[in-house]
Amino acid sequence: MQALADNPRVRADEIAVDADEYGDVVLRGTVGSLLQRAEAVRTVRHVPAVGDVDDQLRVRVMGIDGQADADTEAAVLDALITDDVLRAADIDVRVSDGAATLRGVVELPAQRDRAERVVMAVPGVSHVDNHLRVWLAVSANDVAERVTDALGTGAVVGAERVSVDVVDSDVTLSGTVASTAHRETALAAARNAPGVAEVHDHLTVDANPR
């Protein structure tokens, strides 16, 4: 970062730097020209002890608003890189008019929420669209068991019947429950199952089933 800051052809505040124990460096962020991108890579390659340089910089011609977004984007990437729980390399960040969009994968649902909290704390971020997905495979049987335990045996036998459908890390609950409270209970149980990123509510409430 010091070498980038010392190069007048580069805006160091647009660039996030991540380095591993072997001296390999990843450059991320958005710069205003191909020249800035090339200068950033050249500068980092000349830093002592630097091994491989992975250039993930994006190029976009920017006005004043775009410049502010680029600075915010770099700050978001820095915040994710310095967090000791998250793997920033697996998270893509785009900032537009102060709104940060997160895409990529995390290992656990808690890390998905943590990433959002980290980004919300970055100055310049006005809104976070969290589209991160969870690596951990979701078990439909596990989700169904959690919903059944939360509602009682009526979720399987009797008036309440809830079906669980899983696609990747998204869960869809469909069927009929006896009350709004039971609907919220079922949704909460599904959201708390390991690996679940999003729950879609297709449940209907029927207090007097035939």
N, C-alpha and C. Protein backbone atom coordinates (compact mmCIF):
# COMPACT_ATOMS: atom_id res chain seq x y z
N MET A 1 0.83 -1.20 0.00
CA MET A 1 0.00 0.00 0.00
C MET A 1 0.87 1.26 0.00
N GLN A 2 2.00 1.21 0.69
CA GLN A 2 2.89 2.37 0.71
C GLN A 2 3.47 2.62 -0.68
N ALA A 3 3.86 1.57 -1.37
CA ALA A 3 4.40 1.72 -2.72
C ALA A 3 3.35 2.31 -3.66
N LEU A 4 2.11 1.87 -3.54
CA LEU A 4 1.04 2.41 -4.38
C LEU A 4 0.81 3.88 -4.06
N ALA A 5 0.82 4.21 -2.78
CA ALA A 5 0.60 5.60 -2.37
C ALA A 5 1.71 6.52 -2.88
N ASP A 6 2.92 5.97 -3.04
CA ASP A 6 4.06 6.77 -3.50
C ASP A 6 4.08 6.96 -5.02
N ASN A 7 3.21 6.23 -5.74
CA ASN A 7 3.17 6.34 -7.20
C ASN A 7 2.10 7.37 -7.59
N PRO A 8 2.49 8.51 -8.17
CA PRO A 8 1.52 9.56 -8.49
C PRO A 8 0.53 9.16 -9.60
N ARG A 9 0.81 8.08 -10.32
CA ARG A 9 -0.09 7.65 -11.39
C ARG A 9 -1.19 6.72 -10.86
N VAL A 10 -1.15 6.41 -9.59
CA VAL A 10 -2.09 5.46 -9.00
C VAL A 10 -2.84 6.12 -7.85
N ARG A 11 -4.14 5.86 -7.76
CA ARG A 11 -4.90 6.29 -6.58
C ARG A 11 -5.00 5.08 -5.64
N ALA A 12 -4.17 5.08 -4.61
CA ALA A 12 -4.10 3.93 -3.72
C ALA A 12 -5.40 3.69 -2.97
N ASP A 13 -6.20 4.76 -2.75
CA ASP A 13 -7.44 4.57 -2.00
C ASP A 13 -8.52 3.87 -2.82
N GLU A 14 -8.26 3.60 -4.10
CA GLU A 14 -9.19 2.82 -4.92
C GLU A 14 -8.87 1.34 -4.91
N ILE A 15 -7.76 0.96 -4.28
CA ILE A 15 -7.24 -0.40 -4.41
C ILE A 15 -7.15 -1.08 -3.06
N ALA A 16 -7.64 -2.32 -3.00
CA ALA A 16 -7.49 -3.15 -1.80
C ALA A 16 -6.43 -4.21 -2.08
N VAL A 17 -5.55 -4.41 -1.12
CA VAL A 17 -4.44 -5.33 -1.27
C VAL A 17 -4.55 -6.46 -0.25
N ASP A 18 -4.46 -7.68 -0.74
CA ASP A 18 -4.46 -8.86 0.13
C ASP A 18 -3.22 -9.68 -0.18
N ALA A 19 -2.44 -10.02 0.85
CA ALA A 19 -1.20 -10.78 0.65
C ALA A 19 -1.19 -12.00 1.57
N ASP A 20 -0.64 -13.11 1.09
CA ASP A 20 -0.54 -14.30 1.93
C ASP A 20 0.88 -14.46 2.46
N GLU A 21 1.10 -15.54 3.20
CA GLU A 21 2.39 -15.76 3.85
C GLU A 21 3.51 -16.04 2.87
N TYR A 22 3.17 -16.37 1.63
CA TYR A 22 4.18 -16.67 0.61
C TYR A 22 4.57 -15.44 -0.20
N GLY A 23 3.95 -14.31 0.08
CA GLY A 23 4.26 -13.10 -0.67
C GLY A 23 3.41 -12.91 -1.91
N ASP A 24 2.43 -13.79 -2.13
CA ASP A 24 1.53 -13.62 -3.27
C ASP A 24 0.49 -12.56 -2.93
N VAL A 25 0.22 -11.68 -3.88
CA VAL A 25 -0.63 -10.52 -3.64
C VAL A 25 -1.82 -10.52 -4.59
N VAL A 26 -2.99 -10.15 -4.06
CA VAL A 26 -4.19 -9.97 -4.87
C VAL A 26 -4.57 -8.49 -4.84
N LEU A 27 -4.76 -7.89 -6.01
CA LEU A 27 -5.21 -6.50 -6.11
C LEU A 27 -6.67 -6.49 -6.54
N ARG A 28 -7.51 -5.77 -5.78
CA ARG A 28 -8.94 -5.69 -6.10
C ARG A 28 -9.41 -4.25 -5.99
N GLY A 29 -10.48 -3.95 -6.69
CA GLY A 29 -11.05 -2.61 -6.68
C GLY A 29 -11.34 -2.14 -8.09
N THR A 30 -11.69 -0.87 -8.23
CA THR A 30 -12.00 -0.28 -9.53
C THR A 30 -11.13 0.95 -9.74
N VAL A 31 -10.43 1.01 -10.88
CA VAL A 31 -9.57 2.15 -11.20
C VAL A 31 -10.10 2.85 -12.45
N GLY A 32 -9.60 4.07 -12.68
CA GLY A 32 -10.18 4.90 -13.73
C GLY A 32 -9.62 4.71 -15.12
N SER A 33 -8.52 3.95 -15.28
CA SER A 33 -7.95 3.77 -16.61
C SER A 33 -7.08 2.52 -16.66
N LEU A 34 -6.82 2.08 -17.88
CA LEU A 34 -5.92 0.95 -18.06
C LEU A 34 -4.51 1.29 -17.58
N LEU A 35 -4.10 2.56 -17.74
CA LEU A 35 -2.78 2.97 -17.28
C LEU A 35 -2.65 2.80 -15.77
N GLN A 36 -3.68 3.22 -15.02
CA GLN A 36 -3.64 3.08 -13.57
C GLN A 36 -3.56 1.61 -13.17
N ARG A 37 -4.29 0.79 -13.89
CA ARG A 37 -4.26 -0.65 -13.61
C ARG A 37 -2.85 -1.21 -13.84
N ALA A 38 -2.28 -0.88 -14.98
CA ALA A 38 -0.94 -1.38 -15.31
C ALA A 38 0.10 -0.85 -14.32
N GLU A 39 -0.01 0.42 -13.95
CA GLU A 39 0.93 1.01 -13.00
C GLU A 39 0.82 0.36 -11.63
N ALA A 40 -0.39 0.06 -11.22
CA ALA A 40 -0.58 -0.58 -9.92
C ALA A 40 0.09 -1.95 -9.89
N VAL A 41 -0.11 -2.73 -10.94
CA VAL A 41 0.49 -4.07 -11.01
C VAL A 41 2.01 -3.97 -11.06
N ARG A 42 2.52 -3.06 -11.90
CA ARG A 42 3.97 -2.89 -12.01
C ARG A 42 4.59 -2.49 -10.68
N THR A 43 3.92 -1.56 -10.00
CA THR A 43 4.43 -1.06 -8.73
C THR A 43 4.53 -2.17 -7.69
N VAL A 44 3.46 -2.97 -7.61
CA VAL A 44 3.44 -4.04 -6.60
C VAL A 44 4.47 -5.11 -6.91
N ARG A 45 4.67 -5.42 -8.18
CA ARG A 45 5.65 -6.44 -8.56
C ARG A 45 7.08 -6.04 -8.17
N HIS A 46 7.34 -4.75 -8.03
CA HIS A 46 8.68 -4.29 -7.68
C HIS A 46 8.88 -4.17 -6.16
N VAL A 47 7.87 -4.50 -5.39
CA VAL A 47 8.02 -4.46 -3.93
C VAL A 47 8.81 -5.69 -3.48
N PRO A 48 9.85 -5.52 -2.68
CA PRO A 48 10.64 -6.67 -2.21
C PRO A 48 9.77 -7.71 -1.52
N ALA A 49 10.08 -8.97 -1.79
CA ALA A 49 9.42 -10.14 -1.18
C ALA A 49 8.07 -10.47 -1.81
N VAL A 50 7.59 -9.64 -2.76
CA VAL A 50 6.33 -9.96 -3.43
C VAL A 50 6.58 -11.05 -4.46
N GLY A 51 5.74 -12.09 -4.43
CA GLY A 51 5.84 -13.17 -5.40
C GLY A 51 4.90 -12.93 -6.57
N ASP A 52 3.84 -13.73 -6.65
CA ASP A 52 2.87 -13.60 -7.74
C ASP A 52 1.91 -12.44 -7.45
N VAL A 53 1.49 -11.74 -8.50
CA VAL A 53 0.51 -10.67 -8.37
C VAL A 53 -0.73 -11.05 -9.17
N ASP A 54 -1.84 -11.23 -8.47
CA ASP A 54 -3.11 -11.57 -9.11
C ASP A 54 -3.90 -10.28 -9.32
N ASP A 55 -3.97 -9.84 -10.57
CA ASP A 55 -4.62 -8.57 -10.91
C ASP A 55 -6.12 -8.80 -11.12
N GLN A 56 -6.92 -8.41 -10.12
CA GLN A 56 -8.37 -8.50 -10.23
C GLN A 56 -9.00 -7.11 -10.31
N LEU A 57 -8.20 -6.11 -10.64
CA LEU A 57 -8.69 -4.75 -10.74
C LEU A 57 -9.65 -4.60 -11.92
N ARG A 58 -10.70 -3.83 -11.72
CA ARG A 58 -11.63 -3.50 -12.79
C ARG A 58 -11.33 -2.07 -13.27
N VAL A 59 -11.59 -1.82 -14.53
CA VAL A 59 -11.36 -0.49 -15.10
C VAL A 59 -12.68 0.13 -15.47
N ARG A 60 -12.90 1.37 -15.00
CA ARG A 60 -14.13 2.08 -15.36
C ARG A 60 -13.83 3.57 -15.36
N VAL A 61 -14.16 4.23 -16.46
CA VAL A 61 -13.97 5.68 -16.53
C VAL A 61 -14.96 6.32 -15.56
N MET A 62 -14.44 7.17 -14.67
CA MET A 62 -15.27 7.65 -13.57
C MET A 62 -15.31 9.17 -13.50
N GLY A 63 -16.51 9.69 -13.19
CA GLY A 63 -16.65 11.09 -12.83
C GLY A 63 -16.50 11.21 -11.31
N ILE A 64 -17.01 12.30 -10.78
CA ILE A 64 -16.88 12.53 -9.33
C ILE A 64 -17.61 11.46 -8.54
N ASP A 65 -18.86 11.14 -8.94
CA ASP A 65 -19.64 10.14 -8.21
C ASP A 65 -18.98 8.77 -8.30
N GLY A 66 -18.51 8.42 -9.51
CA GLY A 66 -17.85 7.13 -9.68
C GLY A 66 -16.58 7.03 -8.86
N GLN A 67 -15.87 8.15 -8.72
CA GLN A 67 -14.65 8.16 -7.92
C GLN A 67 -14.97 7.86 -6.47
N ALA A 68 -16.05 8.47 -5.97
CA ALA A 68 -16.46 8.23 -4.58
C ALA A 68 -16.83 6.77 -4.38
N ASP A 69 -17.54 6.19 -5.36
CA ASP A 69 -17.92 4.78 -5.26
C ASP A 69 -16.68 3.88 -5.27
N ALA A 70 -15.68 4.23 -6.08
CA ALA A 70 -14.46 3.44 -6.14
C ALA A 70 -13.73 3.47 -4.81
N ASP A 71 -13.69 4.64 -4.19
CA ASP A 71 -13.06 4.75 -2.87
C ASP A 71 -13.80 3.92 -1.83
N THR A 72 -15.14 3.98 -1.88
CA THR A 72 -15.95 3.21 -0.93
C THR A 72 -15.77 1.72 -1.16
N GLU A 73 -15.74 1.31 -2.44
CA GLU A 73 -15.56 -0.10 -2.78
C GLU A 73 -14.24 -0.63 -2.22
N ALA A 74 -13.18 0.14 -2.37
CA ALA A 74 -11.88 -0.27 -1.84
C ALA A 74 -11.93 -0.37 -0.32
N ALA A 75 -12.63 0.57 0.32
CA ALA A 75 -12.75 0.54 1.79
C ALA A 75 -13.52 -0.70 2.25
N VAL A 76 -14.56 -1.07 1.48
CA VAL A 76 -15.33 -2.28 1.81
C VAL A 76 -14.45 -3.52 1.69
N LEU A 77 -13.70 -3.60 0.59
CA LEU A 77 -12.81 -4.74 0.40
C LEU A 77 -11.77 -4.82 1.51
N ASP A 78 -11.23 -3.67 1.91
CA ASP A 78 -10.26 -3.65 3.00
C ASP A 78 -10.88 -4.18 4.29
N ALA A 79 -12.12 -3.76 4.56
CA ALA A 79 -12.79 -4.20 5.78
C ALA A 79 -13.02 -5.71 5.77
N LEU A 80 -13.38 -6.27 4.62
CA LEU A 80 -13.58 -7.71 4.51
C LEU A 80 -12.26 -8.46 4.64
N ILE A 81 -11.20 -7.91 4.05
CA ILE A 81 -9.89 -8.55 4.10
C ILE A 81 -9.36 -8.61 5.52
N THR A 82 -9.57 -7.54 6.28
CA THR A 82 -9.03 -7.49 7.65
C THR A 82 -9.87 -8.27 8.65
N ASP A 83 -11.08 -8.66 8.29
CA ASP A 83 -11.89 -9.47 9.19
C ASP A 83 -11.29 -10.86 9.32
N ASP A 84 -11.14 -11.36 10.55
CA ASP A 84 -10.44 -12.63 10.76
C ASP A 84 -11.34 -13.85 10.62
N VAL A 85 -12.60 -13.67 10.26
CA VAL A 85 -13.53 -14.79 10.10
C VAL A 85 -13.87 -15.01 8.63
N LEU A 86 -13.98 -13.94 7.87
CA LEU A 86 -14.43 -14.03 6.49
C LEU A 86 -13.29 -14.27 5.52
N ARG A 87 -13.60 -14.95 4.40
CA ARG A 87 -12.64 -15.12 3.30
C ARG A 87 -13.01 -14.11 2.22
N ALA A 88 -12.31 -12.98 2.23
CA ALA A 88 -12.64 -11.90 1.31
C ALA A 88 -12.44 -12.31 -0.15
N ALA A 89 -11.55 -13.27 -0.40
CA ALA A 89 -11.29 -13.70 -1.77
C ALA A 89 -12.52 -14.32 -2.41
N ASP A 90 -13.46 -14.80 -1.61
CA ASP A 90 -14.67 -15.44 -2.14
C ASP A 90 -15.84 -14.47 -2.27
N ILE A 91 -15.60 -13.20 -1.95
CA ILE A 91 -16.69 -12.22 -1.94
C ILE A 91 -16.42 -11.13 -2.97
N ASP A 92 -17.37 -10.93 -3.88
CA ASP A 92 -17.27 -9.87 -4.88
C ASP A 92 -18.06 -8.66 -4.40
N VAL A 93 -17.49 -7.48 -4.55
CA VAL A 93 -18.11 -6.24 -4.08
C VAL A 93 -18.28 -5.27 -5.24
N ARG A 94 -19.46 -4.72 -5.37
CA ARG A 94 -19.70 -3.62 -6.32
C ARG A 94 -20.42 -2.51 -5.55
N VAL A 95 -20.00 -1.26 -5.77
CA VAL A 95 -20.63 -0.12 -5.12
C VAL A 95 -21.13 0.84 -6.18
N SER A 96 -22.39 1.24 -6.08
CA SER A 96 -22.98 2.19 -7.00
C SER A 96 -23.84 3.17 -6.22
N ASP A 97 -23.52 4.44 -6.29
CA ASP A 97 -24.24 5.49 -5.55
C ASP A 97 -24.33 5.16 -4.06
N GLY A 98 -23.26 4.58 -3.53
CA GLY A 98 -23.21 4.27 -2.11
C GLY A 98 -23.83 2.95 -1.72
N ALA A 99 -24.53 2.29 -2.64
CA ALA A 99 -25.14 0.99 -2.36
C ALA A 99 -24.15 -0.12 -2.70
N ALA A 100 -23.85 -0.96 -1.73
CA ALA A 100 -22.89 -2.05 -1.91
C ALA A 100 -23.63 -3.36 -2.18
N THR A 101 -23.23 -4.05 -3.24
CA THR A 101 -23.79 -5.35 -3.57
C THR A 101 -22.73 -6.42 -3.33
N LEU A 102 -23.09 -7.44 -2.55
CA LEU A 102 -22.18 -8.53 -2.23
C LEU A 102 -22.63 -9.78 -2.95
N ARG A 103 -21.70 -10.44 -3.65
CA ARG A 103 -21.96 -11.71 -4.30
C ARG A 103 -20.79 -12.65 -4.01
N GLY A 104 -21.07 -13.93 -4.12
CA GLY A 104 -20.04 -14.92 -3.85
C GLY A 104 -20.54 -15.96 -2.87
N VAL A 105 -19.62 -16.59 -2.16
CA VAL A 105 -20.00 -17.68 -1.26
C VAL A 105 -19.31 -17.53 0.09
N VAL A 106 -19.99 -18.02 1.12
CA VAL A 106 -19.42 -18.13 2.46
C VAL A 106 -19.70 -19.54 2.96
N GLU A 107 -19.03 -19.95 4.04
CA GLU A 107 -19.18 -21.32 4.52
C GLU A 107 -20.43 -21.51 5.35
N LEU A 108 -20.84 -20.48 6.09
CA LEU A 108 -21.94 -20.62 7.04
C LEU A 108 -22.90 -19.44 6.94
N PRO A 109 -24.17 -19.64 7.29
CA PRO A 109 -25.13 -18.53 7.30
C PRO A 109 -24.67 -17.38 8.19
N ALA A 110 -24.04 -17.69 9.32
CA ALA A 110 -23.57 -16.64 10.22
C ALA A 110 -22.54 -15.74 9.55
N GLN A 111 -21.74 -16.31 8.64
CA GLN A 111 -20.74 -15.51 7.93
C GLN A 111 -21.41 -14.60 6.91
N ARG A 112 -22.50 -15.05 6.37
CA ARG A 112 -23.27 -14.21 5.44
C ARG A 112 -23.76 -12.95 6.16
N ASP A 113 -24.31 -13.14 7.36
CA ASP A 113 -24.78 -12.00 8.15
C ASP A 113 -23.61 -11.14 8.62
N ARG A 114 -22.49 -11.79 8.98
CA ARG A 114 -21.33 -11.04 9.44
C ARG A 114 -20.78 -10.13 8.34
N ALA A 115 -20.71 -10.65 7.12
CA ALA A 115 -20.23 -9.84 6.00
C ALA A 115 -21.09 -8.60 5.82
N GLU A 116 -22.39 -8.76 5.94
CA GLU A 116 -23.29 -7.62 5.78
C GLU A 116 -23.04 -6.58 6.87
N ARG A 117 -22.85 -7.03 8.12
CA ARG A 117 -22.60 -6.10 9.22
C ARG A 117 -21.27 -5.37 9.02
N VAL A 118 -20.25 -6.09 8.56
CA VAL A 118 -18.94 -5.47 8.31
C VAL A 118 -19.07 -4.37 7.27
N VAL A 119 -19.80 -4.65 6.19
CA VAL A 119 -19.93 -3.68 5.10
C VAL A 119 -20.78 -2.49 5.54
N MET A 120 -21.81 -2.73 6.31
CA MET A 120 -22.67 -1.63 6.77
C MET A 120 -21.90 -0.62 7.62
N ALA A 121 -20.83 -1.07 8.27
CA ALA A 121 -20.05 -0.19 9.14
C ALA A 121 -19.04 0.67 8.38
N VAL A 122 -18.89 0.43 7.07
CA VAL A 122 -17.91 1.18 6.28
C VAL A 122 -18.47 2.55 5.92
N PRO A 123 -17.74 3.64 6.22
CA PRO A 123 -18.21 4.97 5.84
C PRO A 123 -18.43 5.07 4.33
N GLY A 124 -19.52 5.71 3.94
CA GLY A 124 -19.84 5.87 2.52
C GLY A 124 -20.84 4.86 2.01
N VAL A 125 -21.06 3.77 2.77
CA VAL A 125 -22.04 2.76 2.36
C VAL A 125 -23.41 3.18 2.87
N SER A 126 -24.36 3.32 1.95
CA SER A 126 -25.71 3.74 2.32
C SER A 126 -26.69 2.58 2.39
N HIS A 127 -26.34 1.47 1.72
CA HIS A 127 -27.25 0.33 1.67
C HIS A 127 -26.45 -0.90 1.27
N VAL A 128 -26.87 -2.08 1.76
CA VAL A 128 -26.19 -3.32 1.40
C VAL A 128 -27.19 -4.30 0.80
N ASP A 129 -26.92 -4.76 -0.42
CA ASP A 129 -27.68 -5.84 -1.04
C ASP A 129 -26.85 -7.11 -0.91
N ASN A 130 -27.30 -7.99 -0.04
CA ASN A 130 -26.52 -9.19 0.29
C ASN A 130 -27.01 -10.37 -0.52
N HIS A 131 -26.25 -10.75 -1.56
CA HIS A 131 -26.59 -11.90 -2.40
C HIS A 131 -25.61 -13.04 -2.19
N LEU A 132 -24.92 -13.04 -1.05
CA LEU A 132 -23.97 -14.12 -0.76
C LEU A 132 -24.71 -15.43 -0.58
N ARG A 133 -24.10 -16.52 -1.04
CA ARG A 133 -24.68 -17.84 -0.89
C ARG A 133 -23.82 -18.66 0.05
N VAL A 134 -24.43 -19.70 0.59
CA VAL A 134 -23.77 -20.51 1.62
C VAL A 134 -23.29 -21.82 1.02
N TRP A 135 -22.01 -22.16 1.28
CA TRP A 135 -21.43 -23.39 0.76
C TRP A 135 -22.08 -24.64 1.32
N LEU A 136 -22.33 -24.64 2.61
CA LEU A 136 -22.75 -25.84 3.31
C LEU A 136 -24.01 -26.43 2.67
N ALA A 137 -23.96 -27.71 2.35
CA ALA A 137 -25.11 -28.36 1.72
C ALA A 137 -26.29 -28.41 2.68
N VAL A 138 -27.46 -28.10 2.17
CA VAL A 138 -28.67 -28.09 2.98
C VAL A 138 -29.37 -29.42 2.87
N SER A 139 -29.73 -30.00 4.01
CA SER A 139 -30.45 -31.26 4.04
C SER A 139 -31.95 -31.00 4.18
N ALA A 140 -32.73 -31.44 3.18
CA ALA A 140 -34.18 -31.27 3.25
C ALA A 140 -34.76 -32.01 4.45
N ASN A 141 -34.21 -33.19 4.74
CA ASN A 141 -34.69 -33.97 5.89
C ASN A 141 -34.44 -33.23 7.19
N ASP A 142 -33.26 -32.59 7.29
CA ASP A 142 -32.93 -31.86 8.50
C ASP A 142 -33.87 -30.67 8.68
N VAL A 143 -34.14 -29.94 7.58
CA VAL A 143 -35.05 -28.80 7.66
C VAL A 143 -36.44 -29.27 8.06
N ALA A 144 -36.92 -30.36 7.43
CA ALA A 144 -38.24 -30.90 7.74
C ALA A 144 -38.33 -31.31 9.21
N GLU A 145 -37.26 -31.93 9.72
CA GLU A 145 -37.26 -32.36 11.12
C GLU A 145 -37.32 -31.16 12.06
N ARG A 146 -36.59 -30.11 11.72
CA ARG A 146 -36.62 -28.91 12.55
C ARG A 146 -38.00 -28.25 12.54
N VAL A 147 -38.63 -28.20 11.37
CA VAL A 147 -39.97 -27.62 11.27
C VAL A 147 -40.96 -28.47 12.06
N THR A 148 -40.86 -29.78 11.92
CA THR A 148 -41.75 -30.69 12.64
C THR A 148 -41.59 -30.54 14.15
N ASP A 149 -40.34 -30.48 14.60
CA ASP A 149 -40.10 -30.32 16.04
C ASP A 149 -40.68 -29.01 16.55
N ALA A 150 -40.57 -27.95 15.72
CA ALA A 150 -41.06 -26.64 16.15
C ALA A 150 -42.58 -26.59 16.23
N LEU A 151 -43.26 -27.26 15.28
CA LEU A 151 -44.71 -27.22 15.24
C LEU A 151 -45.37 -28.35 16.02
N GLY A 152 -44.62 -29.44 16.22
CA GLY A 152 -45.22 -30.62 16.83
C GLY A 152 -45.59 -31.63 15.76
N THR A 153 -46.10 -32.77 16.17
CA THR A 153 -46.40 -33.84 15.22
C THR A 153 -47.49 -33.48 14.23
N GLY A 154 -48.25 -32.43 14.50
CA GLY A 154 -49.29 -31.99 13.58
C GLY A 154 -48.74 -31.56 12.24
N ALA A 155 -47.43 -31.24 12.19
CA ALA A 155 -46.83 -30.84 10.91
C ALA A 155 -46.75 -32.00 9.94
N VAL A 156 -46.86 -33.24 10.46
CA VAL A 156 -46.77 -34.42 9.61
C VAL A 156 -48.10 -35.14 9.54
N VAL A 157 -48.78 -35.21 10.65
CA VAL A 157 -50.04 -35.93 10.71
C VAL A 157 -51.14 -34.99 11.18
N GLY A 158 -52.24 -34.97 10.48
CA GLY A 158 -53.36 -34.17 10.92
C GLY A 158 -53.57 -32.96 10.05
N ALA A 159 -54.06 -31.87 10.68
CA ALA A 159 -54.47 -30.69 9.93
C ALA A 159 -53.30 -29.97 9.28
N GLU A 160 -52.12 -29.97 9.95
CA GLU A 160 -50.99 -29.21 9.43
C GLU A 160 -50.06 -30.13 8.64
N ARG A 161 -49.85 -29.75 7.40
CA ARG A 161 -48.93 -30.51 6.54
C ARG A 161 -48.00 -29.52 5.86
N VAL A 162 -46.72 -29.67 6.11
CA VAL A 162 -45.73 -28.76 5.57
C VAL A 162 -44.75 -29.56 4.71
N SER A 163 -44.57 -29.09 3.48
CA SER A 163 -43.59 -29.71 2.58
C SER A 163 -42.35 -28.83 2.49
N VAL A 164 -41.19 -29.49 2.41
CA VAL A 164 -39.90 -28.78 2.33
C VAL A 164 -39.24 -29.10 1.01
N ASP A 165 -38.93 -28.05 0.25
CA ASP A 165 -38.25 -28.20 -1.03
C ASP A 165 -36.92 -27.45 -0.96
N VAL A 166 -35.83 -28.09 -1.37
CA VAL A 166 -34.50 -27.48 -1.28
C VAL A 166 -33.87 -27.40 -2.66
N VAL A 167 -33.42 -26.22 -3.04
CA VAL A 167 -32.63 -26.01 -4.27
C VAL A 167 -31.39 -25.23 -3.87
N ASP A 168 -30.23 -25.90 -3.99
CA ASP A 168 -28.97 -25.32 -3.52
C ASP A 168 -29.10 -25.01 -2.04
N SER A 169 -28.99 -23.72 -1.66
CA SER A 169 -29.11 -23.36 -0.24
C SER A 169 -30.42 -22.64 0.05
N ASP A 170 -31.35 -22.64 -0.93
CA ASP A 170 -32.65 -22.01 -0.73
C ASP A 170 -33.70 -23.05 -0.39
N VAL A 171 -34.56 -22.70 0.57
CA VAL A 171 -35.60 -23.62 1.05
C VAL A 171 -36.98 -23.01 0.78
N THR A 172 -37.89 -23.82 0.27
CA THR A 172 -39.27 -23.39 0.07
C THR A 172 -40.18 -24.23 0.95
N LEU A 173 -40.98 -23.56 1.78
CA LEU A 173 -41.97 -24.25 2.60
C LEU A 173 -43.35 -24.04 1.96
N SER A 174 -44.05 -25.14 1.75
CA SER A 174 -45.41 -25.06 1.21
C SER A 174 -46.31 -25.97 2.02
N GLY A 175 -47.61 -25.76 1.87
CA GLY A 175 -48.56 -26.56 2.63
C GLY A 175 -49.46 -25.67 3.47
N THR A 176 -50.09 -26.27 4.47
CA THR A 176 -51.08 -25.57 5.28
C THR A 176 -50.75 -25.66 6.76
N VAL A 177 -50.85 -24.53 7.45
CA VAL A 177 -50.71 -24.50 8.90
C VAL A 177 -51.97 -23.87 9.50
N ALA A 178 -52.14 -24.07 10.81
CA ALA A 178 -53.40 -23.69 11.45
C ALA A 178 -53.46 -22.24 11.89
N SER A 179 -52.31 -21.55 11.93
CA SER A 179 -52.32 -20.17 12.42
C SER A 179 -51.12 -19.40 11.88
N THR A 180 -51.22 -18.07 11.97
CA THR A 180 -50.10 -17.22 11.56
C THR A 180 -48.89 -17.47 12.45
N ALA A 181 -49.13 -17.72 13.73
CA ALA A 181 -48.04 -18.00 14.66
C ALA A 181 -47.29 -19.26 14.25
N HIS A 182 -48.03 -20.30 13.81
CA HIS A 182 -47.39 -21.53 13.36
C HIS A 182 -46.60 -21.29 12.08
N ARG A 183 -47.12 -20.42 11.22
CA ARG A 183 -46.40 -20.10 10.00
C ARG A 183 -45.04 -19.47 10.33
N GLU A 184 -45.04 -18.48 11.24
CA GLU A 184 -43.79 -17.82 11.63
C GLU A 184 -42.84 -18.80 12.31
N THR A 185 -43.39 -19.71 13.10
CA THR A 185 -42.57 -20.72 13.78
C THR A 185 -41.88 -21.62 12.76
N ALA A 186 -42.63 -22.05 11.75
CA ALA A 186 -42.08 -22.93 10.72
C ALA A 186 -40.98 -22.21 9.93
N LEU A 187 -41.23 -20.96 9.57
CA LEU A 187 -40.23 -20.19 8.80
C LEU A 187 -38.96 -19.97 9.62
N ALA A 188 -39.12 -19.66 10.89
CA ALA A 188 -37.95 -19.45 11.76
C ALA A 188 -37.15 -20.73 11.90
N ALA A 189 -37.83 -21.87 12.03
CA ALA A 189 -37.13 -23.15 12.16
C ALA A 189 -36.34 -23.46 10.90
N ALA A 190 -36.90 -23.16 9.73
CA ALA A 190 -36.20 -23.40 8.47
C ALA A 190 -34.99 -22.48 8.34
N ARG A 191 -35.16 -21.21 8.71
CA ARG A 191 -34.04 -20.26 8.59
C ARG A 191 -32.86 -20.65 9.47
N ASN A 192 -33.14 -21.30 10.59
CA ASN A 192 -32.09 -21.65 11.54
C ASN A 192 -31.41 -22.98 11.21
N ALA A 193 -31.84 -23.65 10.17
CA ALA A 193 -31.22 -24.92 9.79
C ALA A 193 -29.85 -24.65 9.15
N PRO A 194 -28.86 -25.51 9.38
CA PRO A 194 -27.51 -25.31 8.85
C PRO A 194 -27.49 -25.17 7.33
N GLY A 195 -26.80 -24.15 6.84
CA GLY A 195 -26.59 -23.99 5.41
C GLY A 195 -27.67 -23.24 4.67
N VAL A 196 -28.78 -22.92 5.33
CA VAL A 196 -29.89 -22.26 4.64
C VAL A 196 -29.57 -20.78 4.43
N ALA A 197 -29.65 -20.33 3.18
CA ALA A 197 -29.38 -18.94 2.85
C ALA A 197 -30.67 -18.13 2.78
N GLU A 198 -31.74 -18.74 2.26
CA GLU A 198 -32.98 -18.00 2.09
C GLU A 198 -34.16 -18.97 2.20
N VAL A 199 -35.25 -18.49 2.79
CA VAL A 199 -36.46 -19.30 2.94
C VAL A 199 -37.60 -18.62 2.20
N HIS A 200 -38.26 -19.37 1.32
CA HIS A 200 -39.40 -18.85 0.56
C HIS A 200 -40.70 -19.37 1.18
N ASP A 201 -41.59 -18.46 1.46
CA ASP A 201 -42.83 -18.78 2.17
C ASP A 201 -43.98 -19.00 1.19
N HIS A 202 -44.35 -20.27 0.99
CA HIS A 202 -45.53 -20.61 0.19
C HIS A 202 -46.59 -21.28 1.06
N LEU A 203 -46.52 -21.02 2.36
CA LEU A 203 -47.47 -21.61 3.30
C LEU A 203 -48.79 -20.85 3.27
N THR A 204 -49.86 -21.58 3.50
CA THR A 204 -51.18 -20.95 3.65
C THR A 204 -51.70 -21.25 5.05
N VAL A 205 -52.50 -20.34 5.57
CA VAL A 205 -53.07 -20.49 6.91
C VAL A 205 -54.55 -20.85 6.79
N ASP A 206 -54.91 -21.94 7.45
CA ASP A 206 -56.32 -22.38 7.46
C ASP A 206 -56.64 -22.86 8.87
N ALA A 207 -57.35 -22.02 9.61
CA ALA A 207 -57.65 -22.36 11.00
C ALA A 207 -58.74 -23.42 11.11
N ASN A 208 -59.49 -23.66 10.03
CA ASN A 208 -60.57 -24.65 10.07
C ASN A 208 -60.45 -25.60 8.88
N PRO A 209 -59.41 -26.43 8.86
CA PRO A 209 -59.25 -27.34 7.73
C PRO A 209 -60.33 -28.39 7.72
N ARG A 210 -60.68 -28.86 6.53
CA ARG A 210 -61.72 -29.90 6.42
C ARG A 210 -61.13 -31.27 6.68
